Protein backbone atom coordinates (compact mmCIF):
# COMPACT_ATOMS: atom_id res chain seq x y z
CA MET A 1 -24.83 103.09 77.65
CA TYR A 2 -27.26 100.21 78.24
CA LEU A 3 -25.70 98.26 75.36
CA LEU A 4 -22.29 98.41 77.03
CA ALA A 5 -23.72 97.12 80.31
CA ALA A 6 -25.47 94.27 78.49
CA ASN A 7 -22.25 93.35 76.68
CA ASN A 8 -20.30 93.24 79.95
CA THR A 9 -23.02 91.14 81.59
CA LEU A 10 -23.10 88.66 78.73
CA ARG A 11 -19.29 88.46 78.68
CA THR A 12 -19.25 87.76 82.44
CA ILE A 13 -21.89 85.04 82.10
CA LEU A 14 -19.94 83.46 79.20
CA ILE A 15 -16.70 83.46 81.22
CA LEU A 16 -18.45 81.88 84.22
CA LEU A 17 -20.00 79.17 82.02
CA VAL A 18 -16.63 78.34 80.47
CA LEU A 19 -15.00 78.14 83.91
CA TRP A 20 -17.84 75.90 85.15
CA GLN A 21 -17.42 73.52 82.22
CA LEU A 22 -13.65 73.39 82.72
CA LEU A 23 -14.14 72.58 86.38
CA ARG A 24 -16.61 69.78 85.55
CA LEU A 25 -14.16 68.36 82.99
CA TRP A 26 -11.31 68.44 85.51
CA VAL A 27 -13.41 66.61 88.13
CA LYS A 28 -14.45 63.92 85.62
CA VAL A 29 -10.83 63.34 84.57
CA ARG A 30 -9.74 62.99 88.19
CA GLU A 31 -12.52 60.48 88.89
CA ARG A 32 -11.54 58.38 85.87
CA ARG A 33 -7.94 58.26 87.05
CA GLY A 34 -9.04 57.14 90.50
CA LYS A 35 -7.69 60.21 92.25
CA GLY A 36 -11.07 61.68 92.98
CA PRO A 37 -12.64 61.96 96.39
CA LYS A 38 -13.17 58.57 97.97
CA GLN A 39 -16.63 57.77 99.24
CA ALA A 40 -16.41 57.11 102.97
CA PRO A 41 -18.65 54.43 104.41
CA ARG A 42 -21.78 55.81 105.96
CA TRP A 43 -21.22 54.17 109.34
CA THR A 44 -17.63 53.88 110.49
CA GLY A 45 -15.99 52.49 113.56
CA GLY A 46 -17.51 49.02 113.54
CA PRO A 47 -16.40 45.77 111.96
CA ALA A 48 -17.46 45.15 108.39
CA ARG A 49 -20.45 42.80 108.06
CA PRO A 50 -21.51 40.77 105.09
CA MET A 51 -24.36 42.09 102.94
CA GLY A 52 -27.76 41.19 104.39
CA ASP A 53 -26.51 40.65 107.94
CA ILE A 54 -28.89 42.25 110.44
CA ARG A 55 -27.94 43.47 113.89
CA ILE A 56 -30.37 44.85 116.46
CA GLU A 57 -28.90 46.99 119.19
CA LYS A 58 -30.72 48.20 122.27
CA LEU A 59 -30.26 51.87 122.92
CA GLU A 60 -29.56 53.10 126.41
CA GLU A 61 -32.46 54.92 127.99
CA THR A 62 -31.84 58.52 128.81
CA ARG A 63 -33.72 59.94 131.74
CA HIS A 64 -34.68 63.54 131.39
CA SER A 65 -35.04 65.32 134.68
CA PRO A 66 -37.78 67.91 134.99
CA PRO A 67 -36.65 71.51 134.81
CA PRO A 68 -35.93 73.16 138.16
CA GLN A 69 -38.88 74.89 139.77
CA ALA A 70 -38.98 78.60 139.02
CA GLU A 71 -38.85 81.04 141.89
CA ASP A 72 -40.78 84.28 142.08
CA ALA A 73 -38.57 87.23 141.42
CA ASP A 74 -38.87 90.44 143.41
CA PHE A 75 -39.37 93.61 141.47
CA GLU A 76 -39.91 97.27 142.11
CA VAL A 77 -42.26 99.58 140.32
CA ILE A 78 -40.40 102.58 138.94
CA LYS A 79 -42.52 105.68 138.63
CA ASP A 80 -41.74 108.58 136.36
CA LYS A 81 -40.72 111.80 138.03
CA PRO A 82 -43.46 114.39 137.94
CA GLU A 83 -42.66 117.35 135.75
CA ASN A 84 -42.36 120.72 137.49
């Protein structure tokens, strides 16, 4: 019984390894053909600058307001009913 379970486990692992290798091969072939995923620039939306150009931008200050003052909440003490 244990031998059958081991055989099925090994067969499953072998199938997964073959599928993994086929997937890696397919991705490599696509990259060689130039149809692979394109690498997007890290920062988008601005004009392209030449290599080595430095730009310093001043960030806007954000003012954080203090949290609103907490108010005391009213509460009632609930007592258990005495047992008869």
